[in-house]
Amino acid sequence: MVSISDLNTEQLTGLVGLADRFRQARRSGVRLVDFGSTKSMAMLFQKSSLRTRVTFELGMKQMGGITVVLGPDEAKVGVRETATDVGGNLGRMVDIIMARVFDHQVLLDMRDASGVPVVNGL
């Protein structure tokens, strides 16, 4: 999901309901999903954020997955590699990409090249 406008009303309602189920399960100590360390997420930050990093990283770990955090100095999208190259390379290594970037086109290019879901971290 690169933009909330990518969802129809039914999908948005389902997503909010699922989030509520996760919230309730977490409060009661129940794990709804257990990836068993088989799923991985790359978290790409051009723009740093305390809340975004903590919520995505903890959420993935609470489901048993692993994260790889790439800060602005590690993944210089548009400097060392194009967004298409970054998306293609990460897509071969991880199961999902979360990107918090300045330019929306970067998300679209990564999504088109990655073959895995790309989530807008903004």
PDB file of N, CA and C in Angstrom:
ATOM      1  N   MET A   1       0.848  -1.164   0.000  1.00  0.00           N
ATOM      2  CA  MET A   1       0.000   0.000   0.000  1.00  0.00           C
ATOM      3  C   MET A   1       0.895   1.228   0.000  1.00  0.00           C
ATOM      4  N   VAL A   2       0.877   1.939  -1.054  1.00  0.00           N
ATOM      5  CA  VAL A   2       1.691   3.134  -1.168  1.00  0.00           C
ATOM      6  C   VAL A   2       0.879   4.363  -0.755  1.00  0.00           C
ATOM      7  N   SER A   3      -0.415   4.302  -0.950  1.00  0.00           N
ATOM      8  CA  SER A   3      -1.300   5.408  -0.595  1.00  0.00           C
ATOM      9  C   SER A   3      -2.607   4.846  -0.057  1.00  0.00           C
ATOM     10  N   ILE A   4      -3.209   5.529   0.878  1.00  0.00           N
ATOM     11  CA  ILE A   4      -4.489   5.063   1.420  1.00  0.00           C
ATOM     12  C   ILE A   4      -5.551   5.034   0.324  1.00  0.00           C
ATOM     13  N   SER A   5      -5.371   5.843  -0.700  1.00  0.00           N
ATOM     14  CA  SER A   5      -6.321   5.847  -1.812  1.00  0.00           C
ATOM     15  C   SER A   5      -6.232   4.570  -2.648  1.00  0.00           C
ATOM     16  N   ASP A   6      -5.225   3.733  -2.386  1.00  0.00           N
ATOM     17  CA  ASP A   6      -5.126   2.435  -3.059  1.00  0.00           C
ATOM     18  C   ASP A   6      -6.166   1.454  -2.528  1.00  0.00           C
ATOM     19  N   LEU A   7      -6.802   1.784  -1.403  1.00  0.00           N
ATOM     20  CA  LEU A   7      -7.770   0.886  -0.772  1.00  0.00           C
ATOM     21  C   LEU A   7      -9.194   1.333  -1.070  1.00  0.00           C
ATOM     22  N   ASN A   8     -10.078   0.342  -1.282  1.00  0.00           N
ATOM     23  CA  ASN A   8     -11.491   0.681  -1.390  1.00  0.00           C
ATOM     24  C   ASN A   8     -12.093   0.695   0.020  1.00  0.00           C
ATOM     25  N   THR A   9     -13.344   1.060   0.149  1.00  0.00           N
ATOM     26  CA  THR A   9     -13.986   1.196   1.461  1.00  0.00           C
ATOM     27  C   THR A   9     -13.959  -0.112   2.235  1.00  0.00           C
ATOM     28  N   GLU A  10     -14.238  -1.220   1.568  1.00  0.00           N
ATOM     29  CA  GLU A  10     -14.239  -2.528   2.233  1.00  0.00           C
ATOM     30  C   GLU A  10     -12.842  -2.886   2.759  1.00  0.00           C
ATOM     31  N   GLN A  11     -11.829  -2.623   1.959  1.00  0.00           N
ATOM     32  CA  GLN A  11     -10.460  -2.918   2.380  1.00  0.00           C
ATOM     33  C   GLN A  11     -10.040  -2.034   3.553  1.00  0.00           C
ATOM     34  N   LEU A  12     -10.400  -0.763   3.516  1.00  0.00           N
ATOM     35  CA  LEU A  12     -10.056   0.152   4.588  1.00  0.00           C
ATOM     36  C   LEU A  12     -10.754  -0.251   5.888  1.00  0.00           C
ATOM     37  N   THR A  13     -12.020  -0.595   5.794  1.00  0.00           N
ATOM     38  CA  THR A  13     -12.764  -1.056   6.977  1.00  0.00           C
ATOM     39  C   THR A  13     -12.138  -2.332   7.529  1.00  0.00           C
ATOM     40  N   GLY A  14     -11.765  -3.250   6.657  1.00  0.00           N
ATOM     41  CA  GLY A  14     -11.121  -4.489   7.085  1.00  0.00           C
ATOM     42  C   GLY A  14      -9.786  -4.236   7.753  1.00  0.00           C
ATOM     43  N   LEU A  15      -9.027  -3.291   7.225  1.00  0.00           N
ATOM     44  CA  LEU A  15      -7.720  -2.957   7.791  1.00  0.00           C
ATOM     45  C   LEU A  15      -7.865  -2.368   9.195  1.00  0.00           C
ATOM     46  N   VAL A  16      -8.840  -1.475   9.366  1.00  0.00           N
ATOM     47  CA  VAL A  16      -9.072  -0.890  10.687  1.00  0.00           C
ATOM     48  C   VAL A  16      -9.527  -1.976  11.668  1.00  0.00           C
ATOM     49  N   GLY A  17     -10.377  -2.883  11.213  1.00  0.00           N
ATOM     50  CA  GLY A  17     -10.817  -3.993  12.071  1.00  0.00           C
ATOM     51  C   GLY A  17      -9.664  -4.904  12.458  1.00  0.00           C
ATOM     52  N   LEU A  18      -8.800  -5.186  11.524  1.00  0.00           N
ATOM     53  CA  LEU A  18      -7.635  -6.026  11.805  1.00  0.00           C
ATOM     54  C   LEU A  18      -6.699  -5.338  12.801  1.00  0.00           C
ATOM     55  N   ALA A  19      -6.499  -4.046  12.624  1.00  0.00           N
ATOM     56  CA  ALA A  19      -5.657  -3.295  13.564  1.00  0.00           C
ATOM     57  C   ALA A  19      -6.241  -3.368  14.972  1.00  0.00           C
ATOM     58  N   ASP A  20      -7.549  -3.280  15.079  1.00  0.00           N
ATOM     59  CA  ASP A  20      -8.192  -3.374  16.388  1.00  0.00           C
ATOM     60  C   ASP A  20      -7.996  -4.763  16.999  1.00  0.00           C
ATOM     61  N   ARG A  21      -8.098  -5.804  16.175  1.00  0.00           N
ATOM     62  CA  ARG A  21      -7.852  -7.165  16.669  1.00  0.00           C
ATOM     63  C   ARG A  21      -6.426  -7.321  17.170  1.00  0.00           C
ATOM     64  N   PHE A  22      -5.464  -6.766  16.447  1.00  0.00           N
ATOM     65  CA  PHE A  22      -4.065  -6.813  16.888  1.00  0.00           C
ATOM     66  C   PHE A  22      -3.883  -6.070  18.207  1.00  0.00           C
ATOM     67  N   ARG A  23      -4.514  -4.887  18.325  1.00  0.00           N
ATOM     68  CA  ARG A  23      -4.408  -4.101  19.552  1.00  0.00           C
ATOM     69  C   ARG A  23      -4.964  -4.882  20.745  1.00  0.00           C
ATOM     70  N   GLN A  24      -6.131  -5.484  20.564  1.00  0.00           N
ATOM     71  CA  GLN A  24      -6.740  -6.264  21.645  1.00  0.00           C
ATOM     72  C   GLN A  24      -5.903  -7.495  21.992  1.00  0.00           C
ATOM     73  N   ALA A  25      -5.384  -8.163  20.997  1.00  0.00           N
ATOM     74  CA  ALA A  25      -4.564  -9.355  21.237  1.00  0.00           C
ATOM     75  C   ALA A  25      -3.292  -8.983  21.980  1.00  0.00           C
ATOM     76  N   ARG A  26      -2.668  -7.890  21.593  1.00  0.00           N
ATOM     77  CA  ARG A  26      -1.434  -7.460  22.253  1.00  0.00           C
ATOM     78  C   ARG A  26      -1.683  -7.170  23.724  1.00  0.00           C
ATOM     79  N   ARG A  27      -2.804  -6.529  24.012  1.00  0.00           N
ATOM     80  CA  ARG A  27      -3.146  -6.212  25.407  1.00  0.00           C
ATOM     81  C   ARG A  27      -3.384  -7.467  26.237  1.00  0.00           C
ATOM     82  N   SER A  28      -3.870  -8.513  25.589  1.00  0.00           N
ATOM     83  CA  SER A  28      -4.150  -9.746  26.328  1.00  0.00           C
ATOM     84  C   SER A  28      -2.995 -10.748  26.245  1.00  0.00           C
ATOM     85  N   GLY A  29      -1.894 -10.363  25.582  1.00  0.00           N
ATOM     86  CA  GLY A  29      -0.725 -11.229  25.519  1.00  0.00           C
ATOM     87  C   GLY A  29      -0.809 -12.333  24.487  1.00  0.00           C
ATOM     88  N   VAL A  30      -1.735 -12.217  23.546  1.00  0.00           N
ATOM     89  CA  VAL A  30      -1.919 -13.228  22.494  1.00  0.00           C
ATOM     90  C   VAL A  30      -1.221 -12.760  21.228  1.00  0.00           C
ATOM     91  N   ARG A  31      -0.509 -13.667  20.567  1.00  0.00           N
ATOM     92  CA  ARG A  31       0.155 -13.347  19.293  1.00  0.00           C
ATOM     93  C   ARG A  31      -0.721 -13.886  18.167  1.00  0.00           C
ATOM     94  N   LEU A  32      -1.310 -12.987  17.374  1.00  0.00           N
ATOM     95  CA  LEU A  32      -2.189 -13.400  16.276  1.00  0.00           C
ATOM     96  C   LEU A  32      -1.415 -13.970  15.096  1.00  0.00           C
ATOM     97  N   VAL A  33      -0.200 -13.493  14.921  1.00  0.00           N
ATOM     98  CA  VAL A  33       0.643 -13.928  13.817  1.00  0.00           C
ATOM     99  C   VAL A  33       1.999 -14.303  14.385  1.00  0.00           C
ATOM    100  N   ASP A  34       2.551 -15.409  13.904  1.00  0.00           N
ATOM    101  CA  ASP A  34       3.897 -15.792  14.312  1.00  0.00           C
ATOM    102  C   ASP A  34       4.661 -16.229  13.077  1.00  0.00           C
ATOM    103  N   PHE A  35       5.498 -15.335  12.588  1.00  0.00           N
ATOM    104  CA  PHE A  35       6.284 -15.627  11.401  1.00  0.00           C
ATOM    105  C   PHE A  35       7.416 -16.606  11.676  1.00  0.00           C
ATOM    106  N   GLY A  36       7.737 -16.824  12.943  1.00  0.00           N
ATOM    107  CA  GLY A  36       8.809 -17.758  13.288  1.00  0.00           C
ATOM    108  C   GLY A  36      10.141 -17.397  12.665  1.00  0.00           C
ATOM    109  N   SER A  37      10.454 -16.128  12.596  1.00  0.00           N
ATOM    110  CA  SER A  37      11.711 -15.615  12.034  1.00  0.00           C
ATOM    111  C   SER A  37      11.897 -15.959  10.557  1.00  0.00           C
ATOM    112  N   THR A  38      10.796 -16.242   9.862  1.00  0.00           N
ATOM    113  CA  THR A  38      10.917 -16.553   8.434  1.00  0.00           C
ATOM    114  C   THR A  38      10.607 -15.349   7.544  1.00  0.00           C
ATOM    115  N   LYS A  39      10.063 -14.288   8.120  1.00  0.00           N
ATOM    116  CA  LYS A  39       9.719 -13.097   7.343  1.00  0.00           C
ATOM    117  C   LYS A  39      10.611 -11.941   7.742  1.00  0.00           C
ATOM    118  N   SER A  40      10.945 -11.117   6.756  1.00  0.00           N
ATOM    119  CA  SER A  40      11.844 -10.000   7.019  1.00  0.00           C
ATOM    120  C   SER A  40      11.319  -8.729   6.365  1.00  0.00           C
ATOM    121  N   MET A  41      11.648  -7.606   6.992  1.00  0.00           N
ATOM    122  CA  MET A  41      11.233  -6.312   6.475  1.00  0.00           C
ATOM    123  C   MET A  41      12.431  -5.367   6.449  1.00  0.00           C
ATOM    124  N   ALA A  42      12.656  -4.758   5.303  1.00  0.00           N
ATOM    125  CA  ALA A  42      13.643  -3.688   5.209  1.00  0.00           C
ATOM    126  C   ALA A  42      12.923  -2.384   5.510  1.00  0.00           C
ATOM    127  N   MET A  43      13.517  -1.598   6.383  1.00  0.00           N
ATOM    128  CA  MET A  43      12.969  -0.299   6.746  1.00  0.00           C
ATOM    129  C   MET A  43      13.930   0.767   6.235  1.00  0.00           C
ATOM    130  N   LEU A  44      13.523   1.470   5.206  1.00  0.00           N
ATOM    131  CA  LEU A  44      14.377   2.442   4.524  1.00  0.00           C
ATOM    132  C   LEU A  44      13.977   3.855   4.945  1.00  0.00           C
ATOM    133  N   PHE A  45      14.918   4.577   5.516  1.00  0.00           N
ATOM    134  CA  PHE A  45      14.647   5.931   5.996  1.00  0.00           C
ATOM    135  C   PHE A  45      15.519   6.953   5.286  1.00  0.00           C
ATOM    136  N   GLN A  46      14.901   7.801   4.467  1.00  0.00           N
ATOM    137  CA  GLN A  46      15.565   9.012   4.011  1.00  0.00           C
ATOM    138  C   GLN A  46      15.270  10.105   5.026  1.00  0.00           C
ATOM    139  N   LYS A  47      14.110   9.988   5.642  1.00  0.00           N
ATOM    140  CA  LYS A  47      13.585  10.949   6.596  1.00  0.00           C
ATOM    141  C   LYS A  47      13.393  10.206   7.906  1.00  0.00           C
ATOM    142  N   SER A  48      14.152  10.559   8.938  1.00  0.00           N
ATOM    143  CA  SER A  48      14.086   9.806  10.185  1.00  0.00           C
ATOM    144  C   SER A  48      12.801  10.114  10.955  1.00  0.00           C
ATOM    145  N   SER A  49      12.390   9.148  11.793  1.00  0.00           N
ATOM    146  CA  SER A  49      11.194   9.319  12.607  1.00  0.00           C
ATOM    147  C   SER A  49      11.218   8.341  13.766  1.00  0.00           C
ATOM    148  N   LEU A  50      11.065   8.859  14.947  1.00  0.00           N
ATOM    149  CA  LEU A  50      11.021   8.028  16.141  1.00  0.00           C
ATOM    150  C   LEU A  50       9.812   7.091  16.109  1.00  0.00           C
ATOM    151  N   ARG A  51       8.612   7.638  15.940  1.00  0.00           N
ATOM    152  CA  ARG A  51       7.391   6.823  15.993  1.00  0.00           C
ATOM    153  C   ARG A  51       7.331   5.796  14.867  1.00  0.00           C
ATOM    154  N   THR A  52       7.703   6.194  13.666  1.00  0.00           N
ATOM    155  CA  THR A  52       7.644   5.257  12.545  1.00  0.00           C
ATOM    156  C   THR A  52       8.586   4.087  12.774  1.00  0.00           C
ATOM    157  N   ARG A  53       9.804   4.377  13.160  1.00  0.00           N
ATOM    158  CA  ARG A  53      10.770   3.295  13.364  1.00  0.00           C
ATOM    159  C   ARG A  53      10.326   2.359  14.483  1.00  0.00           C
ATOM    160  N   VAL A  54       9.943   2.922  15.606  1.00  0.00           N
ATOM    161  CA  VAL A  54       9.574   2.087  16.752  1.00  0.00           C
ATOM    162  C   VAL A  54       8.339   1.249  16.449  1.00  0.00           C
ATOM    163  N   THR A  55       7.311   1.837  15.872  1.00  0.00           N
ATOM    164  CA  THR A  55       6.087   1.066  15.636  1.00  0.00           C
ATOM    165  C   THR A  55       6.287  -0.034  14.602  1.00  0.00           C
ATOM    166  N   PHE A  56       6.975   0.259  13.508  1.00  0.00           N
ATOM    167  CA  PHE A  56       7.195  -0.780  12.497  1.00  0.00           C
ATOM    168  C   PHE A  56       8.129  -1.876  13.010  1.00  0.00           C
ATOM    169  N   GLU A  57       9.209  -1.461  13.667  1.00  0.00           N
ATOM    170  CA  GLU A  57      10.173  -2.448  14.139  1.00  0.00           C
ATOM    171  C   GLU A  57       9.576  -3.337  15.232  1.00  0.00           C
ATOM    172  N   LEU A  58       8.908  -2.735  16.205  1.00  0.00           N
ATOM    173  CA  LEU A  58       8.297  -3.543  17.258  1.00  0.00           C
ATOM    174  C   LEU A  58       7.166  -4.405  16.720  1.00  0.00           C
ATOM    175  N   GLY A  59       6.372  -3.854  15.818  1.00  0.00           N
ATOM    176  CA  GLY A  59       5.283  -4.631  15.238  1.00  0.00           C
ATOM    177  C   GLY A  59       5.788  -5.882  14.544  1.00  0.00           C
ATOM    178  N   MET A  60       6.828  -5.745  13.756  1.00  0.00           N
ATOM    179  CA  MET A  60       7.392  -6.897  13.057  1.00  0.00           C
ATOM    180  C   MET A  60       7.966  -7.904  14.051  1.00  0.00           C
ATOM    181  N   LYS A  61       8.673  -7.424  15.054  1.00  0.00           N
ATOM    182  CA  LYS A  61       9.259  -8.326  16.049  1.00  0.00           C
ATOM    183  C   LYS A  61       8.185  -9.010  16.877  1.00  0.00           C
ATOM    184  N   GLN A  62       7.101  -8.311  17.187  1.00  0.00           N
ATOM    185  CA  GLN A  62       6.013  -8.924  17.944  1.00  0.00           C
ATOM    186  C   GLN A  62       5.321 -10.036  17.150  1.00  0.00           C
ATOM    187  N   MET A  63       5.458 -10.009  15.840  1.00  0.00           N
ATOM    188  CA  MET A  63       4.903 -11.079  15.008  1.00  0.00           C
ATOM    189  C   MET A  63       5.949 -12.135  14.674  1.00  0.00           C
ATOM    190  N   GLY A  64       7.124 -12.009  15.254  1.00  0.00           N
ATOM    191  CA  GLY A  64       8.156 -13.018  15.060  1.00  0.00           C
ATOM    192  C   GLY A  64       9.060 -12.780  13.876  1.00  0.00           C
ATOM    193  N   GLY A  65       8.899 -11.674  13.171  1.00  0.00           N
ATOM    194  CA  GLY A  65       9.739 -11.379  12.015  1.00  0.00           C
ATOM    195  C   GLY A  65      10.985 -10.611  12.405  1.00  0.00           C
ATOM    196  N   ILE A  66      11.819 -10.337  11.414  1.00  0.00           N
ATOM    197  CA  ILE A  66      13.047  -9.582  11.651  1.00  0.00           C
ATOM    198  C   ILE A  66      13.056  -8.329  10.778  1.00  0.00           C
ATOM    199  N   THR A  67      13.796  -7.334  11.235  1.00  0.00           N
ATOM    200  CA  THR A  67      13.883  -6.083  10.491  1.00  0.00           C
ATOM    201  C   THR A  67      15.339  -5.738  10.194  1.00  0.00           C
ATOM    202  N   VAL A  68      15.517  -5.018   9.106  1.00  0.00           N
ATOM    203  CA  VAL A  68      16.811  -4.447   8.740  1.00  0.00           C
ATOM    204  C   VAL A  68      16.554  -2.961   8.541  1.00  0.00           C
ATOM    205  N   VAL A  69      17.230  -2.145   9.319  1.00  0.00           N
ATOM    206  CA  VAL A  69      17.032  -0.699   9.251  1.00  0.00           C
ATOM    207  C   VAL A  69      18.136  -0.076   8.412  1.00  0.00           C
ATOM    208  N   LEU A  70      17.734   0.694   7.406  1.00  0.00           N
ATOM    209  CA  LEU A  70      18.668   1.380   6.518  1.00  0.00           C
ATOM    210  C   LEU A  70      18.420   2.875   6.630  1.00  0.00           C
ATOM    211  N   GLY A  71      19.373   3.572   7.229  1.00  0.00           N
ATOM    212  CA  GLY A  71      19.249   5.007   7.421  1.00  0.00           C
ATOM    213  C   GLY A  71      19.666   5.781   6.183  1.00  0.00           C
ATOM    214  N   PRO A  72      19.566   7.096   6.254  1.00  0.00           N
ATOM    215  CA  PRO A  72      19.879   7.943   5.109  1.00  0.00           C
ATOM    216  C   PRO A  72      21.299   7.761   4.572  1.00  0.00           C
ATOM    217  N   ASP A  73      22.249   7.420   5.430  1.00  0.00           N
ATOM    218  CA  ASP A  73      23.624   7.251   4.981  1.00  0.00           C
ATOM    219  C   ASP A  73      23.888   5.877   4.375  1.00  0.00           C
ATOM    220  N   GLU A  74      23.008   4.917   4.626  1.00  0.00           N
ATOM    221  CA  GLU A  74      23.220   3.550   4.139  1.00  0.00           C
ATOM    222  C   GLU A  74      22.560   3.279   2.798  1.00  0.00           C
ATOM    223  N   ALA A  75      21.438   3.893   2.558  1.00  0.00           N
ATOM    224  CA  ALA A  75      20.736   3.680   1.294  1.00  0.00           C
ATOM    225  C   ALA A  75      20.484   5.046   0.667  1.00  0.00           C
ATOM    226  N   LYS A  76      21.443   5.520  -0.030  1.00  0.00           N
ATOM    227  CA  LYS A  76      21.335   6.837  -0.647  1.00  0.00           C
ATOM    228  C   LYS A  76      20.608   6.710  -1.980  1.00  0.00           C
ATOM    229  N   VAL A  77      19.293   6.585  -1.870  1.00  0.00           N
ATOM    230  CA  VAL A  77      18.460   6.426  -3.060  1.00  0.00           C
ATOM    231  C   VAL A  77      18.613   7.663  -3.938  1.00  0.00           C
ATOM    232  N   GLY A  78      18.940   7.433  -5.189  1.00  0.00           N
ATOM    233  CA  GLY A  78      19.142   8.523  -6.127  1.00  0.00           C
ATOM    234  C   GLY A  78      20.566   9.039  -6.156  1.00  0.00           C
ATOM    235  N   VAL A  79      21.400   8.587  -5.226  1.00  0.00           N
ATOM    236  CA  VAL A  79      22.802   9.006  -5.200  1.00  0.00           C
ATOM    237  C   VAL A  79      23.684   7.852  -5.663  1.00  0.00           C
ATOM    238  N   ARG A  80      23.620   6.736  -4.919  1.00  0.00           N
ATOM    239  CA  ARG A  80      24.404   5.554  -5.298  1.00  0.00           C
ATOM    240  C   ARG A  80      23.627   4.644  -6.231  1.00  0.00           C
ATOM    241  N   GLU A  81      22.328   4.506  -5.956  1.00  0.00           N
ATOM    242  CA  GLU A  81      21.471   3.641  -6.760  1.00  0.00           C
ATOM    243  C   GLU A  81      20.137   4.334  -6.994  1.00  0.00           C
ATOM    244  N   THR A  82      19.506   4.006  -8.093  1.00  0.00           N
ATOM    245  CA  THR A  82      18.179   4.545  -8.355  1.00  0.00           C
ATOM    246  C   THR A  82      17.163   3.849  -7.459  1.00  0.00           C
ATOM    247  N   ALA A  83      15.990   4.447  -7.328  1.00  0.00           N
ATOM    248  CA  ALA A  83      14.915   3.823  -6.550  1.00  0.00           C
ATOM    249  C   ALA A  83      14.547   2.462  -7.137  1.00  0.00           C
ATOM    250  N   THR A  84      14.598   2.351  -8.444  1.00  0.00           N
ATOM    251  CA  THR A  84      14.309   1.079  -9.103  1.00  0.00           C
ATOM    252  C   THR A  84      15.333   0.025  -8.705  1.00  0.00           C
ATOM    253  N   ASP A  85      16.600   0.390  -8.691  1.00  0.00           N
ATOM    254  CA  ASP A  85      17.647  -0.555  -8.283  1.00  0.00           C
ATOM    255  C   ASP A  85      17.497  -0.959  -6.818  1.00  0.00           C
ATOM    256  N   VAL A  86      17.236   0.013  -5.960  1.00  0.00           N
ATOM    257  CA  VAL A  86      17.061  -0.280  -4.533  1.00  0.00           C
ATOM    258  C   VAL A  86      15.871  -1.213  -4.335  1.00  0.00           C
ATOM    259  N   GLY A  87      14.757  -0.905  -4.973  1.00  0.00           N
ATOM    260  CA  GLY A  87      13.572  -1.758  -4.861  1.00  0.00           C
ATOM    261  C   GLY A  87      13.826  -3.158  -5.374  1.00  0.00           C
ATOM    262  N   GLY A  88      14.469  -3.273  -6.522  1.00  0.00           N
ATOM    263  CA  GLY A  88      14.769  -4.592  -7.089  1.00  0.00           C
ATOM    264  C   GLY A  88      15.699  -5.405  -6.215  1.00  0.00           C
ATOM    265  N   ASN A  89      16.737  -4.769  -5.711  1.00  0.00           N
ATOM    266  CA  ASN A  89      17.687  -5.480  -4.854  1.00  0.00           C
ATOM    267  C   ASN A  89      17.049  -5.892  -3.531  1.00  0.00           C
ATOM    268  N   LEU A  90      16.373  -4.955  -2.858  1.00  0.00           N
ATOM    269  CA  LEU A  90      15.738  -5.303  -1.590  1.00  0.00           C
ATOM    270  C   LEU A  90      14.647  -6.354  -1.780  1.00  0.00           C
ATOM    271  N   GLY A  91      13.924  -6.262  -2.873  1.00  0.00           N
ATOM    272  CA  GLY A  91      12.844  -7.212  -3.144  1.00  0.00           C
ATOM    273  C   GLY A  91      13.326  -8.648  -3.273  1.00  0.00           C
ATOM    274  N   ARG A  92      14.585  -8.834  -3.645  1.00  0.00           N
ATOM    275  CA  ARG A  92      15.143 -10.182  -3.724  1.00  0.00           C
ATOM    276  C   ARG A  92      15.617 -10.686  -2.363  1.00  0.00           C
ATOM    277  N   MET A  93      15.721  -9.784  -1.392  1.00  0.00           N
ATOM    278  CA  MET A  93      16.284 -10.147  -0.089  1.00  0.00           C
ATOM    279  C   MET A  93      15.271 -10.183   1.048  1.00  0.00           C
ATOM    280  N   VAL A  94      14.209  -9.402   0.963  1.00  0.00           N
ATOM    281  CA  VAL A  94      13.254  -9.301   2.074  1.00  0.00           C
ATOM    282  C   VAL A  94      11.835  -9.573   1.585  1.00  0.00           C
ATOM    283  N   ASP A  95      10.925  -9.710   2.546  1.00  0.00           N
ATOM    284  CA  ASP A  95       9.527 -10.010   2.220  1.00  0.00           C
ATOM    285  C   ASP A  95       8.654  -8.769   2.102  1.00  0.00           C
ATOM    286  N   ILE A  96       9.100  -7.682   2.693  1.00  0.00           N
ATOM    287  CA  ILE A  96       8.338  -6.433   2.633  1.00  0.00           C
ATOM    288  C   ILE A  96       9.312  -5.269   2.822  1.00  0.00           C
ATOM    289  N   ILE A  97       8.966  -4.141   2.208  1.00  0.00           N
ATOM    290  CA  ILE A  97       9.785  -2.938   2.330  1.00  0.00           C
ATOM    291  C   ILE A  97       8.905  -1.824   2.899  1.00  0.00           C
ATOM    292  N   MET A  98       9.391  -1.175   3.940  1.00  0.00           N
ATOM    293  CA  MET A  98       8.753   0.035   4.449  1.00  0.00           C
ATOM    294  C   MET A  98       9.717   1.160   4.129  1.00  0.00           C
ATOM    295  N   ALA A  99       9.214   2.199   3.476  1.00  0.00           N
ATOM    296  CA  ALA A  99      10.090   3.306   3.095  1.00  0.00           C
ATOM    297  C   ALA A  99       9.498   4.630   3.548  1.00  0.00           C
ATOM    298  N   ARG A 100      10.319   5.413   4.195  1.00  0.00           N
ATOM    299  CA  ARG A 100       9.946   6.778   4.607  1.00  0.00           C
ATOM    300  C   ARG A 100      10.866   7.703   3.827  1.00  0.00           C
ATOM    301  N   VAL A 101      10.336   8.206   2.714  1.00  0.00           N
ATOM    302  CA  VAL A 101      11.146   8.967   1.766  1.00  0.00           C
ATOM    303  C   VAL A 101      10.515  10.326   1.491  1.00  0.00           C
ATOM    304  N   PHE A 102      11.288  11.206   0.883  1.00  0.00           N
ATOM    305  CA  PHE A 102      10.818  12.552   0.590  1.00  0.00           C
ATOM    306  C   PHE A 102       9.931  12.622  -0.646  1.00  0.00           C
ATOM    307  N   ASP A 103      10.219  11.808  -1.648  1.00  0.00           N
ATOM    308  CA  ASP A 103       9.546  11.887  -2.947  1.00  0.00           C
ATOM    309  C   ASP A 103       8.653  10.669  -3.160  1.00  0.00           C
ATOM    310  N   HIS A 104       7.363  10.900  -3.374  1.00  0.00           N
ATOM    311  CA  HIS A 104       6.414   9.800  -3.563  1.00  0.00           C
ATOM    312  C   HIS A 104       6.791   8.920  -4.759  1.00  0.00           C
ATOM    313  N   GLN A 105       7.392   9.499  -5.768  1.00  0.00           N
ATOM    314  CA  GLN A 105       7.788   8.721  -6.948  1.00  0.00           C
ATOM    315  C   GLN A 105       8.779   7.623  -6.587  1.00  0.00           C
ATOM    316  N   VAL A 106       9.604   7.860  -5.571  1.00  0.00           N
ATOM    317  CA  VAL A 106      10.546   6.836  -5.110  1.00  0.00           C
ATOM    318  C   VAL A 106       9.778   5.590  -4.674  1.00  0.00           C
ATOM    319  N   LEU A 107       8.687   5.768  -3.935  1.00  0.00           N
ATOM    320  CA  LEU A 107       7.858   4.632  -3.509  1.00  0.00           C
ATOM    321  C   LEU A 107       7.292   3.885  -4.702  1.00  0.00           C
ATOM    322  N   LEU A 108       6.793   4.625  -5.668  1.00  0.00           N
ATOM    323  CA  LEU A 108       6.204   3.992  -6.851  1.00  0.00           C
ATOM    324  C   LEU A 108       7.246   3.202  -7.631  1.00  0.00           C
ATOM    325  N   ASP A 109       8.436   3.773  -7.798  1.00  0.00           N
ATOM    326  CA  ASP A 109       9.507   3.090  -8.526  1.00  0.00           C
ATOM    327  C   ASP A 109       9.961   1.835  -7.785  1.00  0.00           C
ATOM    328  N   MET A 110      10.080   1.939  -6.461  1.00  0.00           N
ATOM    329  CA  MET A 110      10.476   0.774  -5.665  1.00  0.00           C
ATOM    330  C   MET A 110       9.404  -0.308  -5.746  1.00  0.00           C
ATOM    331  N   ARG A 111       8.151   0.080  -5.635  1.00  0.00           N
ATOM    332  CA  ARG A 111       7.044  -0.881  -5.719  1.00  0.00           C
ATOM    333  C   ARG A 111       7.064  -1.619  -7.063  1.00  0.00           C
ATOM    334  N   ASP A 112       7.237  -0.888  -8.123  1.00  0.00           N
ATOM    335  CA  ASP A 112       7.207  -1.488  -9.452  1.00  0.00           C
ATOM    336  C   ASP A 112       8.370  -2.444  -9.687  1.00  0.00           C
ATOM    337  N   ALA A 113       9.499  -2.212  -9.023  1.00  0.00           N
ATOM    338  CA  ALA A 113      10.693  -3.023  -9.260  1.00  0.00           C
ATOM    339  C   ALA A 113      10.890  -4.141  -8.246  1.00  0.00           C
ATOM    340  N   SER A 114      10.220  -4.065  -7.092  1.00  0.00           N
ATOM    341  CA  SER A 114      10.583  -4.949  -5.984  1.00  0.00           C
ATOM    342  C   SER A 114       9.975  -6.341  -6.045  1.00  0.00           C
ATOM    343  N   GLY A 115       8.730  -6.465  -6.463  1.00  0.00           N
ATOM    344  CA  GLY A 115       8.059  -7.769  -6.422  1.00  0.00           C
ATOM    345  C   GLY A 115       7.564  -8.140  -5.026  1.00  0.00           C
ATOM    346  N   VAL A 116       7.733  -7.248  -4.051  1.00  0.00           N
ATOM    347  CA  VAL A 116       7.212  -7.440  -2.693  1.00  0.00           C
ATOM    348  C   VAL A 116       6.419  -6.195  -2.319  1.00  0.00           C
ATOM    349  N   PRO A 117       5.575  -6.287  -1.294  1.00  0.00           N
ATOM    350  CA  PRO A 117       4.835  -5.080  -0.887  1.00  0.00           C
ATOM    351  C   PRO A 117       5.765  -3.965  -0.426  1.00  0.00           C
ATOM    352  N   VAL A 118       5.438  -2.744  -0.820  1.00  0.00           N
ATOM    353  CA  VAL A 118       6.159  -1.568  -0.373  1.00  0.00           C
ATOM    354  C   VAL A 118       5.153  -0.695   0.376  1.00  0.00           C
ATOM    355  N   VAL A 119       5.451  -0.410   1.621  1.00  0.00           N
ATOM    356  CA  VAL A 119       4.562   0.354   2.486  1.00  0.00           C
ATOM    357  C   VAL A 119       5.107   1.760   2.664  1.00  0.00           C
ATOM    358  N   ASN A 120       4.244   2.750   2.505  1.00  0.00           N
ATOM    359  CA  ASN A 120       4.620   4.129   2.689  1.00  0.00           C
ATOM    360  C   ASN A 120       4.747   4.418   4.178  1.00  0.00           C
ATOM    361  N   GLY A 121       5.935   4.722   4.652  1.00  0.00           N
ATOM    362  CA  GLY A 121       6.178   4.993   6.058  1.00  0.00           C
ATOM    363  C   GLY A 121       5.793   6.394   6.498  1.00  0.00           C
ATOM    364  N   LEU A 122       5.319   7.212   5.576  1.00  0.00           N
ATOM    365  CA  LEU A 122       4.827   8.539   5.958  1.00  0.00           C
ATOM    366  C   LEU A 122       3.383   8.437   6.372  1.00  0.00           C
TER     367      LEU A 122
END
